[in-house]
Amino acid sequence: MIFLANSFEDESDQRLLTEAEAKYNGDQEKIEESFNVVEIPSLFGRHVSDIDDEQYVMLANTLICSWRAKLSQDFPEKEFCFQILGAEGTGGELAILFKQKLPEV
């Protein structure tokens, strides 16, 4: 599985991974989905009100292009899926979800 950098910095983070593995019965796609979500407004802290929804979408698309390039460089043998999630899908903020595209079984 491929996770965002700094997702597992200490023992409590590792415990979250163990819990996710149990919760999703080892389903790697679901486990990745549960960790690889970045809420775009949270990147701006107290300046969140200075940016409108259209700018967030533009930023999300720019991040996806950058991440896609970096992941294809670091993991050329893997494919990745990216999705922009609206506020209704995250419980409040526009976000990006990424995960590996797993081979069909």
PDB file of N, CA and C in Angstrom:
ATOM      1  N   MET A   1       0.840  -1.175   0.000  1.00  0.00           N
ATOM      2  CA  MET A   1       0.000   0.000   0.000  1.00  0.00           C
ATOM      3  C   MET A   1       0.886   1.239   0.000  1.00  0.00           C
ATOM      4  N   ILE A   2       0.386   2.291  -0.603  1.00  0.00           N
ATOM      5  CA  ILE A   2       1.087   3.572  -0.667  1.00  0.00           C
ATOM      6  C   ILE A   2       0.273   4.586   0.144  1.00  0.00           C
ATOM      7  N   PHE A   3       0.965   5.268   1.080  1.00  0.00           N
ATOM      8  CA  PHE A   3       0.292   6.235   1.944  1.00  0.00           C
ATOM      9  C   PHE A   3       0.958   7.600   1.824  1.00  0.00           C
ATOM     10  N   LEU A   4       0.236   8.621   2.218  1.00  0.00           N
ATOM     11  CA  LEU A   4       0.790   9.962   2.281  1.00  0.00           C
ATOM     12  C   LEU A   4       1.996   9.971   3.206  1.00  0.00           C
ATOM     13  N   ALA A   5       2.969  10.794   2.864  1.00  0.00           N
ATOM     14  CA  ALA A   5       4.137  10.944   3.730  1.00  0.00           C
ATOM     15  C   ALA A   5       3.675  11.392   5.112  1.00  0.00           C
ATOM     16  N   ASN A   6       4.354  10.952   6.120  1.00  0.00           N
ATOM     17  CA  ASN A   6       4.078  11.316   7.511  1.00  0.00           C
ATOM     18  C   ASN A   6       2.763  10.760   8.047  1.00  0.00           C
ATOM     19  N   SER A   7       2.161   9.801   7.362  1.00  0.00           N
ATOM     20  CA  SER A   7       0.925   9.202   7.868  1.00  0.00           C
ATOM     21  C   SER A   7       1.174   8.353   9.109  1.00  0.00           C
ATOM     22  N   PHE A   8       2.378   7.832   9.229  1.00  0.00           N
ATOM     23  CA  PHE A   8       2.677   6.922  10.336  1.00  0.00           C
ATOM     24  C   PHE A   8       3.939   7.389  11.047  1.00  0.00           C
ATOM     25  N   GLU A   9       3.751   8.349  11.929  1.00  0.00           N
ATOM     26  CA  GLU A   9       4.882   8.943  12.630  1.00  0.00           C
ATOM     27  C   GLU A   9       5.153   8.316  13.990  1.00  0.00           C
ATOM     28  N   ASP A  10       4.152   7.677  14.574  1.00  0.00           N
ATOM     29  CA  ASP A  10       4.370   7.111  15.903  1.00  0.00           C
ATOM     30  C   ASP A  10       3.505   5.868  16.092  1.00  0.00           C
ATOM     31  N   GLU A  11       3.546   5.324  17.299  1.00  0.00           N
ATOM     32  CA  GLU A  11       2.829   4.085  17.585  1.00  0.00           C
ATOM     33  C   GLU A  11       1.317   4.228  17.448  1.00  0.00           C
ATOM     34  N   SER A  12       0.769   5.389  17.792  1.00  0.00           N
ATOM     35  CA  SER A  12      -0.677   5.558  17.682  1.00  0.00           C
ATOM     36  C   SER A  12      -1.112   5.535  16.213  1.00  0.00           C
ATOM     37  N   ASP A  13      -0.267   6.065  15.327  1.00  0.00           N
ATOM     38  CA  ASP A  13      -0.566   5.992  13.892  1.00  0.00           C
ATOM     39  C   ASP A  13      -0.528   4.542  13.415  1.00  0.00           C
ATOM     40  N   GLN A  14       0.444   3.801  13.887  1.00  0.00           N
ATOM     41  CA  GLN A  14       0.543   2.387  13.515  1.00  0.00           C
ATOM     42  C   GLN A  14      -0.669   1.617  14.033  1.00  0.00           C
ATOM     43  N   ARG A  15      -1.156   1.984  15.206  1.00  0.00           N
ATOM     44  CA  ARG A  15      -2.353   1.353  15.764  1.00  0.00           C
ATOM     45  C   ARG A  15      -3.567   1.625  14.864  1.00  0.00           C
ATOM     46  N   LEU A  16      -3.663   2.846  14.330  1.00  0.00           N
ATOM     47  CA  LEU A  16      -4.752   3.182  13.414  1.00  0.00           C
ATOM     48  C   LEU A  16      -4.717   2.297  12.171  1.00  0.00           C
ATOM     49  N   LEU A  17      -3.525   2.019  11.677  1.00  0.00           N
ATOM     50  CA  LEU A  17      -3.390   1.135  10.517  1.00  0.00           C
ATOM     51  C   LEU A  17      -3.849  -0.273  10.867  1.00  0.00           C
ATOM     52  N   THR A  18      -3.448  -0.759  12.014  1.00  0.00           N
ATOM     53  CA  THR A  18      -3.861  -2.095  12.455  1.00  0.00           C
ATOM     54  C   THR A  18      -5.383  -2.153  12.595  1.00  0.00           C
ATOM     55  N   GLU A  19      -5.978  -1.113  13.150  1.00  0.00           N
ATOM     56  CA  GLU A  19      -7.438  -1.061  13.290  1.00  0.00           C
ATOM     57  C   GLU A  19      -8.128  -1.025  11.931  1.00  0.00           C
ATOM     58  N   ALA A  20      -7.568  -0.265  10.995  1.00  0.00           N
ATOM     59  CA  ALA A  20      -8.148  -0.196   9.648  1.00  0.00           C
ATOM     60  C   ALA A  20      -8.044  -1.550   8.946  1.00  0.00           C
ATOM     61  N   GLU A  21      -6.929  -2.242   9.129  1.00  0.00           N
ATOM     62  CA  GLU A  21      -6.777  -3.570   8.525  1.00  0.00           C
ATOM     63  C   GLU A  21      -7.854  -4.509   9.040  1.00  0.00           C
ATOM     64  N   ALA A  22      -8.148  -4.439  10.333  1.00  0.00           N
ATOM     65  CA  ALA A  22      -9.195  -5.288  10.911  1.00  0.00           C
ATOM     66  C   ALA A  22     -10.572  -4.847  10.432  1.00  0.00           C
ATOM     67  N   LYS A  23     -10.824  -3.546  10.451  1.00  0.00           N
ATOM     68  CA  LYS A  23     -12.130  -3.016  10.060  1.00  0.00           C
ATOM     69  C   LYS A  23     -12.482  -3.374   8.625  1.00  0.00           C
ATOM     70  N   TYR A  24     -11.499  -3.294   7.727  1.00  0.00           N
ATOM     71  CA  TYR A  24     -11.752  -3.546   6.310  1.00  0.00           C
ATOM     72  C   TYR A  24     -11.305  -4.940   5.866  1.00  0.00           C
ATOM     73  N   ASN A  25     -11.076  -5.819   6.834  1.00  0.00           N
ATOM     74  CA  ASN A  25     -10.699  -7.217   6.550  1.00  0.00           C
ATOM     75  C   ASN A  25      -9.537  -7.318   5.570  1.00  0.00           C
ATOM     76  N   GLY A  26      -8.551  -6.441   5.725  1.00  0.00           N
ATOM     77  CA  GLY A  26      -7.359  -6.492   4.889  1.00  0.00           C
ATOM     78  C   GLY A  26      -7.543  -5.939   3.484  1.00  0.00           C
ATOM     79  N   ASP A  27      -8.706  -5.354   3.171  1.00  0.00           N
ATOM     80  CA  ASP A  27      -8.965  -4.786   1.842  1.00  0.00           C
ATOM     81  C   ASP A  27      -8.069  -3.563   1.649  1.00  0.00           C
ATOM     82  N   GLN A  28      -6.995  -3.733   0.861  1.00  0.00           N
ATOM     83  CA  GLN A  28      -6.002  -2.685   0.697  1.00  0.00           C
ATOM     84  C   GLN A  28      -6.581  -1.402   0.112  1.00  0.00           C
ATOM     85  N   GLU A  29      -7.511  -1.526  -0.813  1.00  0.00           N
ATOM     86  CA  GLU A  29      -8.111  -0.340  -1.417  1.00  0.00           C
ATOM     87  C   GLU A  29      -8.849   0.488  -0.364  1.00  0.00           C
ATOM     88  N   LYS A  30      -9.641  -0.165   0.469  1.00  0.00           N
ATOM     89  CA  LYS A  30     -10.384   0.545   1.517  1.00  0.00           C
ATOM     90  C   LYS A  30      -9.443   1.146   2.557  1.00  0.00           C
ATOM     91  N   ILE A  31      -8.382   0.419   2.874  1.00  0.00           N
ATOM     92  CA  ILE A  31      -7.418   0.927   3.857  1.00  0.00           C
ATOM     93  C   ILE A  31      -6.741   2.190   3.318  1.00  0.00           C
ATOM     94  N   GLU A  32      -6.289   2.140   2.068  1.00  0.00           N
ATOM     95  CA  GLU A  32      -5.678   3.327   1.467  1.00  0.00           C
ATOM     96  C   GLU A  32      -6.661   4.488   1.441  1.00  0.00           C
ATOM     97  N   GLU A  33      -7.906   4.209   1.058  1.00  0.00           N
ATOM     98  CA  GLU A  33      -8.920   5.261   1.008  1.00  0.00           C
ATOM     99  C   GLU A  33      -9.112   5.920   2.378  1.00  0.00           C
ATOM    100  N   SER A  34      -9.003   5.139   3.431  1.00  0.00           N
ATOM    101  CA  SER A  34      -9.244   5.690   4.761  1.00  0.00           C
ATOM    102  C   SER A  34      -8.110   6.615   5.231  1.00  0.00           C
ATOM    103  N   PHE A  35      -6.924   6.495   4.638  1.00  0.00           N
ATOM    104  CA  PHE A  35      -5.788   7.321   5.043  1.00  0.00           C
ATOM    105  C   PHE A  35      -5.439   8.415   4.039  1.00  0.00           C
ATOM    106  N   ASN A  36      -5.680   8.184   2.759  1.00  0.00           N
ATOM    107  CA  ASN A  36      -5.184   9.078   1.716  1.00  0.00           C
ATOM    108  C   ASN A  36      -6.215  10.096   1.255  1.00  0.00           C
ATOM    109  N   VAL A  37      -6.715  10.858   2.183  1.00  0.00           N
ATOM    110  CA  VAL A  37      -7.637  11.950   1.896  1.00  0.00           C
ATOM    111  C   VAL A  37      -7.018  13.232   2.452  1.00  0.00           C
ATOM    112  N   VAL A  38      -6.910  14.242   1.585  1.00  0.00           N
ATOM    113  CA  VAL A  38      -6.360  15.527   2.006  1.00  0.00           C
ATOM    114  C   VAL A  38      -7.436  16.580   1.818  1.00  0.00           C
ATOM    115  N   GLU A  39      -7.855  17.193   2.904  1.00  0.00           N
ATOM    116  CA  GLU A  39      -8.844  18.265   2.855  1.00  0.00           C
ATOM    117  C   GLU A  39      -8.118  19.557   2.486  1.00  0.00           C
ATOM    118  N   ILE A  40      -8.469  20.097   1.347  1.00  0.00           N
ATOM    119  CA  ILE A  40      -7.752  21.244   0.801  1.00  0.00           C
ATOM    120  C   ILE A  40      -7.815  22.480   1.715  1.00  0.00           C
ATOM    121  N   PRO A  41      -8.977  22.902   2.215  1.00  0.00           N
ATOM    122  CA  PRO A  41      -8.996  24.105   3.069  1.00  0.00           C
ATOM    123  C   PRO A  41      -8.114  23.989   4.314  1.00  0.00           C
ATOM    124  N   SER A  42      -7.957  22.793   4.842  1.00  0.00           N
ATOM    125  CA  SER A  42      -7.142  22.638   6.049  1.00  0.00           C
ATOM    126  C   SER A  42      -5.669  22.952   5.789  1.00  0.00           C
ATOM    127  N   LEU A  43      -5.260  22.998   4.522  1.00  0.00           N
ATOM    128  CA  LEU A  43      -3.881  23.342   4.195  1.00  0.00           C
ATOM    129  C   LEU A  43      -3.582  24.823   4.448  1.00  0.00           C
ATOM    130  N   PHE A  44      -4.645  25.638   4.617  1.00  0.00           N
ATOM    131  CA  PHE A  44      -4.472  27.080   4.701  1.00  0.00           C
ATOM    132  C   PHE A  44      -4.675  27.664   6.096  1.00  0.00           C
ATOM    133  N   GLY A  45      -4.979  26.828   7.063  1.00  0.00           N
ATOM    134  CA  GLY A  45      -5.109  27.305   8.428  1.00  0.00           C
ATOM    135  C   GLY A  45      -6.025  28.498   8.556  1.00  0.00           C
ATOM    136  N   ARG A  46      -5.553  29.546   9.183  1.00  0.00           N
ATOM    137  CA  ARG A  46      -6.394  30.711   9.470  1.00  0.00           C
ATOM    138  C   ARG A  46      -6.727  31.524   8.230  1.00  0.00           C
ATOM    139  N   HIS A  47      -6.079  31.247   7.103  1.00  0.00           N
ATOM    140  CA  HIS A  47      -6.345  31.983   5.864  1.00  0.00           C
ATOM    141  C   HIS A  47      -7.430  31.324   5.015  1.00  0.00           C
ATOM    142  N   VAL A  48      -8.100  30.332   5.570  1.00  0.00           N
ATOM    143  CA  VAL A  48      -9.087  29.568   4.826  1.00  0.00           C
ATOM    144  C   VAL A  48     -10.183  30.446   4.231  1.00  0.00           C
ATOM    145  N   SER A  49     -10.565  31.502   4.899  1.00  0.00           N
ATOM    146  CA  SER A  49     -11.653  32.354   4.399  1.00  0.00           C
ATOM    147  C   SER A  49     -11.209  33.254   3.246  1.00  0.00           C
ATOM    148  N   ASP A  50      -9.904  33.334   2.991  1.00  0.00           N
ATOM    149  CA  ASP A  50      -9.392  34.166   1.908  1.00  0.00           C
ATOM    150  C   ASP A  50      -9.503  33.496   0.542  1.00  0.00           C
ATOM    151  N   ILE A  51      -9.911  32.238   0.506  1.00  0.00           N
ATOM    152  CA  ILE A  51      -9.912  31.455  -0.724  1.00  0.00           C
ATOM    153  C   ILE A  51     -11.330  30.975  -1.004  1.00  0.00           C
ATOM    154  N   ASP A  52     -11.767  31.087  -2.253  1.00  0.00           N
ATOM    155  CA  ASP A  52     -13.121  30.652  -2.590  1.00  0.00           C
ATOM    156  C   ASP A  52     -13.110  29.225  -3.162  1.00  0.00           C
ATOM    157  N   ASP A  53     -14.302  28.664  -3.327  1.00  0.00           N
ATOM    158  CA  ASP A  53     -14.437  27.272  -3.766  1.00  0.00           C
ATOM    159  C   ASP A  53     -13.781  27.017  -5.118  1.00  0.00           C
ATOM    160  N   GLU A  54     -13.901  27.961  -6.037  1.00  0.00           N
ATOM    161  CA  GLU A  54     -13.298  27.793  -7.363  1.00  0.00           C
ATOM    162  C   GLU A  54     -11.774  27.673  -7.260  1.00  0.00           C
ATOM    163  N   GLN A  55     -11.183  28.458  -6.390  1.00  0.00           N
ATOM    164  CA  GLN A  55      -9.736  28.398  -6.191  1.00  0.00           C
ATOM    165  C   GLN A  55      -9.331  27.061  -5.560  1.00  0.00           C
ATOM    166  N   TYR A  56     -10.154  26.550  -4.643  1.00  0.00           N
ATOM    167  CA  TYR A  56      -9.866  25.244  -4.053  1.00  0.00           C
ATOM    168  C   TYR A  56      -9.866  24.150  -5.109  1.00  0.00           C
ATOM    169  N   VAL A  57     -10.830  24.198  -6.033  1.00  0.00           N
ATOM    170  CA  VAL A  57     -10.898  23.195  -7.094  1.00  0.00           C
ATOM    171  C   VAL A  57      -9.677  23.310  -7.998  1.00  0.00           C
ATOM    172  N   MET A  58      -9.281  24.532  -8.331  1.00  0.00           N
ATOM    173  CA  MET A  58      -8.083  24.725  -9.153  1.00  0.00           C
ATOM    174  C   MET A  58      -6.850  24.179  -8.444  1.00  0.00           C
ATOM    175  N   LEU A  59      -6.740  24.441  -7.161  1.00  0.00           N
ATOM    176  CA  LEU A  59      -5.611  23.924  -6.390  1.00  0.00           C
ATOM    177  C   LEU A  59      -5.644  22.401  -6.337  1.00  0.00           C
ATOM    178  N   ALA A  60      -6.816  21.833  -6.113  1.00  0.00           N
ATOM    179  CA  ALA A  60      -6.938  20.378  -6.068  1.00  0.00           C
ATOM    180  C   ALA A  60      -6.465  19.761  -7.378  1.00  0.00           C
ATOM    181  N   ASN A  61      -6.867  20.327  -8.502  1.00  0.00           N
ATOM    182  CA  ASN A  61      -6.440  19.805  -9.800  1.00  0.00           C
ATOM    183  C   ASN A  61      -4.932  19.936 -10.002  1.00  0.00           C
ATOM    184  N   THR A  62      -4.366  21.039  -9.527  1.00  0.00           N
ATOM    185  CA  THR A  62      -2.919  21.230  -9.619  1.00  0.00           C
ATOM    186  C   THR A  62      -2.180  20.207  -8.759  1.00  0.00           C
ATOM    187  N   LEU A  63      -2.681  19.983  -7.543  1.00  0.00           N
ATOM    188  CA  LEU A  63      -2.064  18.982  -6.669  1.00  0.00           C
ATOM    189  C   LEU A  63      -2.143  17.592  -7.282  1.00  0.00           C
ATOM    190  N   ILE A  64      -3.267  17.264  -7.881  1.00  0.00           N
ATOM    191  CA  ILE A  64      -3.419  15.953  -8.510  1.00  0.00           C
ATOM    192  C   ILE A  64      -2.383  15.772  -9.616  1.00  0.00           C
ATOM    193  N   CYS A  65      -2.196  16.786 -10.440  1.00  0.00           N
ATOM    194  CA  CYS A  65      -1.191  16.691 -11.512  1.00  0.00           C
ATOM    195  C   CYS A  65       0.209  16.474 -10.928  1.00  0.00           C
ATOM    196  N   SER A  66       0.523  17.208  -9.889  1.00  0.00           N
ATOM    197  CA  SER A  66       1.844  17.085  -9.251  1.00  0.00           C
ATOM    198  C   SER A  66       2.016  15.717  -8.613  1.00  0.00           C
ATOM    199  N   TRP A  67       1.006  15.278  -7.871  1.00  0.00           N
ATOM    200  CA  TRP A  67       1.093  13.986  -7.197  1.00  0.00           C
ATOM    201  C   TRP A  67       1.164  12.847  -8.204  1.00  0.00           C
ATOM    202  N   ARG A  68       0.386  12.939  -9.282  1.00  0.00           N
ATOM    203  CA  ARG A  68       0.404  11.898 -10.310  1.00  0.00           C
ATOM    204  C   ARG A  68       1.819  11.772 -10.902  1.00  0.00           C
ATOM    205  N   ALA A  69       2.445  12.915 -11.196  1.00  0.00           N
ATOM    206  CA  ALA A  69       3.799  12.897 -11.748  1.00  0.00           C
ATOM    207  C   ALA A  69       4.793  12.294 -10.756  1.00  0.00           C
ATOM    208  N   LYS A  70       4.704  12.709  -9.506  1.00  0.00           N
ATOM    209  CA  LYS A  70       5.636  12.208  -8.484  1.00  0.00           C
ATOM    210  C   LYS A  70       5.438  10.714  -8.238  1.00  0.00           C
ATOM    211  N   LEU A  71       4.183  10.288  -8.134  1.00  0.00           N
ATOM    212  CA  LEU A  71       3.933   8.863  -7.889  1.00  0.00           C
ATOM    213  C   LEU A  71       4.358   8.007  -9.072  1.00  0.00           C
ATOM    214  N   SER A  72       4.162   8.484 -10.287  1.00  0.00           N
ATOM    215  CA  SER A  72       4.584   7.690 -11.449  1.00  0.00           C
ATOM    216  C   SER A  72       6.101   7.611 -11.533  1.00  0.00           C
ATOM    217  N   GLN A  73       6.783   8.637 -11.048  1.00  0.00           N
ATOM    218  CA  GLN A  73       8.245   8.605 -10.999  1.00  0.00           C
ATOM    219  C   GLN A  73       8.736   7.644  -9.920  1.00  0.00           C
ATOM    220  N   ASP A  74       8.133   7.720  -8.735  1.00  0.00           N
ATOM    221  CA  ASP A  74       8.573   6.886  -7.609  1.00  0.00           C
ATOM    222  C   ASP A  74       8.105   5.441  -7.716  1.00  0.00           C
ATOM    223  N   PHE A  75       6.949   5.217  -8.344  1.00  0.00           N
ATOM    224  CA  PHE A  75       6.363   3.878  -8.445  1.00  0.00           C
ATOM    225  C   PHE A  75       5.920   3.626  -9.888  1.00  0.00           C
ATOM    226  N   PRO A  76       6.873   3.500 -10.821  1.00  0.00           N
ATOM    227  CA  PRO A  76       6.507   3.373 -12.237  1.00  0.00           C
ATOM    228  C   PRO A  76       5.693   2.127 -12.562  1.00  0.00           C
ATOM    229  N   GLU A  77       5.768   1.126 -11.717  1.00  0.00           N
ATOM    230  CA  GLU A  77       5.047  -0.129 -11.965  1.00  0.00           C
ATOM    231  C   GLU A  77       3.607  -0.084 -11.446  1.00  0.00           C
ATOM    232  N   LYS A  78       3.214   1.010 -10.795  1.00  0.00           N
ATOM    233  CA  LYS A  78       1.876   1.103 -10.210  1.00  0.00           C
ATOM    234  C   LYS A  78       1.057   2.185 -10.908  1.00  0.00           C
ATOM    235  N   GLU A  79      -0.263   2.032 -10.845  1.00  0.00           N
ATOM    236  CA  GLU A  79      -1.184   3.053 -11.344  1.00  0.00           C
ATOM    237  C   GLU A  79      -1.971   3.598 -10.162  1.00  0.00           C
ATOM    238  N   PHE A  80      -2.339   4.869 -10.250  1.00  0.00           N
ATOM    239  CA  PHE A  80      -3.058   5.515  -9.167  1.00  0.00           C
ATOM    240  C   PHE A  80      -4.327   6.181  -9.681  1.00  0.00           C
ATOM    241  N   CYS A  81      -5.326   6.219  -8.823  1.00  0.00           N
ATOM    242  CA  CYS A  81      -6.596   6.901  -9.098  1.00  0.00           C
ATOM    243  C   CYS A  81      -6.684   8.101  -8.165  1.00  0.00           C
ATOM    244  N   PHE A  82      -7.188   9.197  -8.697  1.00  0.00           N
ATOM    245  CA  PHE A  82      -7.389  10.412  -7.917  1.00  0.00           C
ATOM    246  C   PHE A  82      -8.838  10.831  -8.054  1.00  0.00           C
ATOM    247  N   GLN A  83      -9.371  11.393  -6.992  1.00  0.00           N
ATOM    248  CA  GLN A  83     -10.757  11.832  -7.012  1.00  0.00           C
ATOM    249  C   GLN A  83     -10.881  13.084  -6.153  1.00  0.00           C
ATOM    250  N   ILE A  84     -11.587  14.068  -6.675  1.00  0.00           N
ATOM    251  CA  ILE A  84     -11.913  15.242  -5.871  1.00  0.00           C
ATOM    252  C   ILE A  84     -13.245  14.969  -5.206  1.00  0.00           C
ATOM    253  N   LEU A  85     -13.266  15.081  -3.889  1.00  0.00           N
ATOM    254  CA  LEU A  85     -14.473  14.848  -3.109  1.00  0.00           C
ATOM    255  C   LEU A  85     -15.063  16.184  -2.696  1.00  0.00           C
ATOM    256  N   GLY A  86     -16.332  16.376  -2.953  1.00  0.00           N
ATOM    257  CA  GLY A  86     -17.015  17.592  -2.524  1.00  0.00           C
ATOM    258  C   GLY A  86     -17.229  17.593  -1.028  1.00  0.00           C
ATOM    259  N   ALA A  87     -17.628  18.718  -0.520  1.00  0.00           N
ATOM    260  CA  ALA A  87     -17.850  18.865   0.918  1.00  0.00           C
ATOM    261  C   ALA A  87     -18.849  17.844   1.444  1.00  0.00           C
ATOM    262  N   GLU A  88     -19.848  17.494   0.630  1.00  0.00           N
ATOM    263  CA  GLU A  88     -20.844  16.516   1.074  1.00  0.00           C
ATOM    264  C   GLU A  88     -20.239  15.122   1.244  1.00  0.00           C
ATOM    265  N   GLY A  89     -19.166  14.829   0.521  1.00  0.00           N
ATOM    266  CA  GLY A  89     -18.526  13.509   0.617  1.00  0.00           C
ATOM    267  C   GLY A  89     -17.542  13.382   1.759  1.00  0.00           C
ATOM    268  N   THR A  90     -17.136  14.519   2.339  1.00  0.00           N
ATOM    269  CA  THR A  90     -16.142  14.489   3.408  1.00  0.00           C
ATOM    270  C   THR A  90     -16.695  14.961   4.739  1.00  0.00           C
ATOM    271  N   GLY A  91     -17.891  15.489   4.716  1.00  0.00           N
ATOM    272  CA  GLY A  91     -18.451  16.027   5.940  1.00  0.00           C
ATOM    273  C   GLY A  91     -18.111  17.487   6.154  1.00  0.00           C
ATOM    274  N   GLY A  92     -17.653  18.166   5.090  1.00  0.00           N
ATOM    275  CA  GLY A  92     -17.447  19.593   5.278  1.00  0.00           C
ATOM    276  C   GLY A  92     -16.466  20.293   4.357  1.00  0.00           C
ATOM    277  N   GLU A  93     -15.423  19.627   3.877  1.00  0.00           N
ATOM    278  CA  GLU A  93     -14.415  20.327   3.094  1.00  0.00           C
ATOM    279  C   GLU A  93     -14.105  19.588   1.796  1.00  0.00           C
ATOM    280  N   LEU A  94     -13.797  20.352   0.750  1.00  0.00           N
ATOM    281  CA  LEU A  94     -13.327  19.783  -0.496  1.00  0.00           C
ATOM    282  C   LEU A  94     -12.042  19.023  -0.214  1.00  0.00           C
ATOM    283  N   ALA A  95     -11.894  17.852  -0.794  1.00  0.00           N
ATOM    284  CA  ALA A  95     -10.722  17.024  -0.504  1.00  0.00           C
ATOM    285  C   ALA A  95     -10.285  16.259  -1.739  1.00  0.00           C
ATOM    286  N   ILE A  96      -9.069  15.743  -1.674  1.00  0.00           N
ATOM    287  CA  ILE A  96      -8.534  14.853  -2.703  1.00  0.00           C
ATOM    288  C   ILE A  96      -8.343  13.483  -2.065  1.00  0.00           C
ATOM    289  N   LEU A  97      -8.791  12.464  -2.774  1.00  0.00           N
ATOM    290  CA  LEU A  97      -8.570  11.073  -2.376  1.00  0.00           C
ATOM    291  C   LEU A  97      -7.672  10.454  -3.430  1.00  0.00           C
ATOM    292  N   PHE A  98      -6.645   9.725  -2.995  1.00  0.00           N
ATOM    293  CA  PHE A  98      -5.872   8.952  -3.965  1.00  0.00           C
ATOM    294  C   PHE A  98      -5.632   7.557  -3.436  1.00  0.00           C
ATOM    295  N   LYS A  99      -5.519   6.632  -4.388  1.00  0.00           N
ATOM    296  CA  LYS A  99      -5.278   5.233  -4.038  1.00  0.00           C
ATOM    297  C   LYS A  99      -4.675   4.543  -5.240  1.00  0.00           C
ATOM    298  N   GLN A 100      -4.108   3.385  -4.990  1.00  0.00           N
ATOM    299  CA  GLN A 100      -3.588   2.569  -6.077  1.00  0.00           C
ATOM    300  C   GLN A 100      -4.722   1.969  -6.881  1.00  0.00           C
ATOM    301  N   LYS A 101      -4.508   1.860  -8.150  1.00  0.00           N
ATOM    302  CA  LYS A 101      -5.447   1.119  -8.982  1.00  0.00           C
ATOM    303  C   LYS A 101      -4.970  -0.325  -8.945  1.00  0.00           C
ATOM    304  N   LEU A 102      -5.748  -1.169  -8.272  1.00  0.00           N
ATOM    305  CA  LEU A 102      -5.345  -2.561  -8.087  1.00  0.00           C
ATOM    306  C   LEU A 102      -5.766  -3.385  -9.289  1.00  0.00           C
ATOM    307  N   PRO A 103      -5.001  -4.420  -9.606  1.00  0.00           N
ATOM    308  CA  PRO A 103      -5.344  -5.267 -10.733  1.00  0.00           C
ATOM    309  C   PRO A 103      -6.685  -5.962 -10.507  1.00  0.00           C
ATOM    310  N   GLU A 104      -7.422  -6.147 -11.576  1.00  0.00           N
ATOM    311  CA  GLU A 104      -8.705  -6.865 -11.513  1.00  0.00           C
ATOM    312  C   GLU A 104      -8.435  -8.331 -11.165  1.00  0.00           C
ATOM    313  N   VAL A 105      -9.281  -8.881 -10.303  1.00  0.00           N
ATOM    314  CA  VAL A 105      -9.145 -10.305  -9.944  1.00  0.00           C
ATOM    315  C   VAL A 105     -10.301 -11.106 -10.465  1.00  0.00           C
TER     316      VAL A 105
END
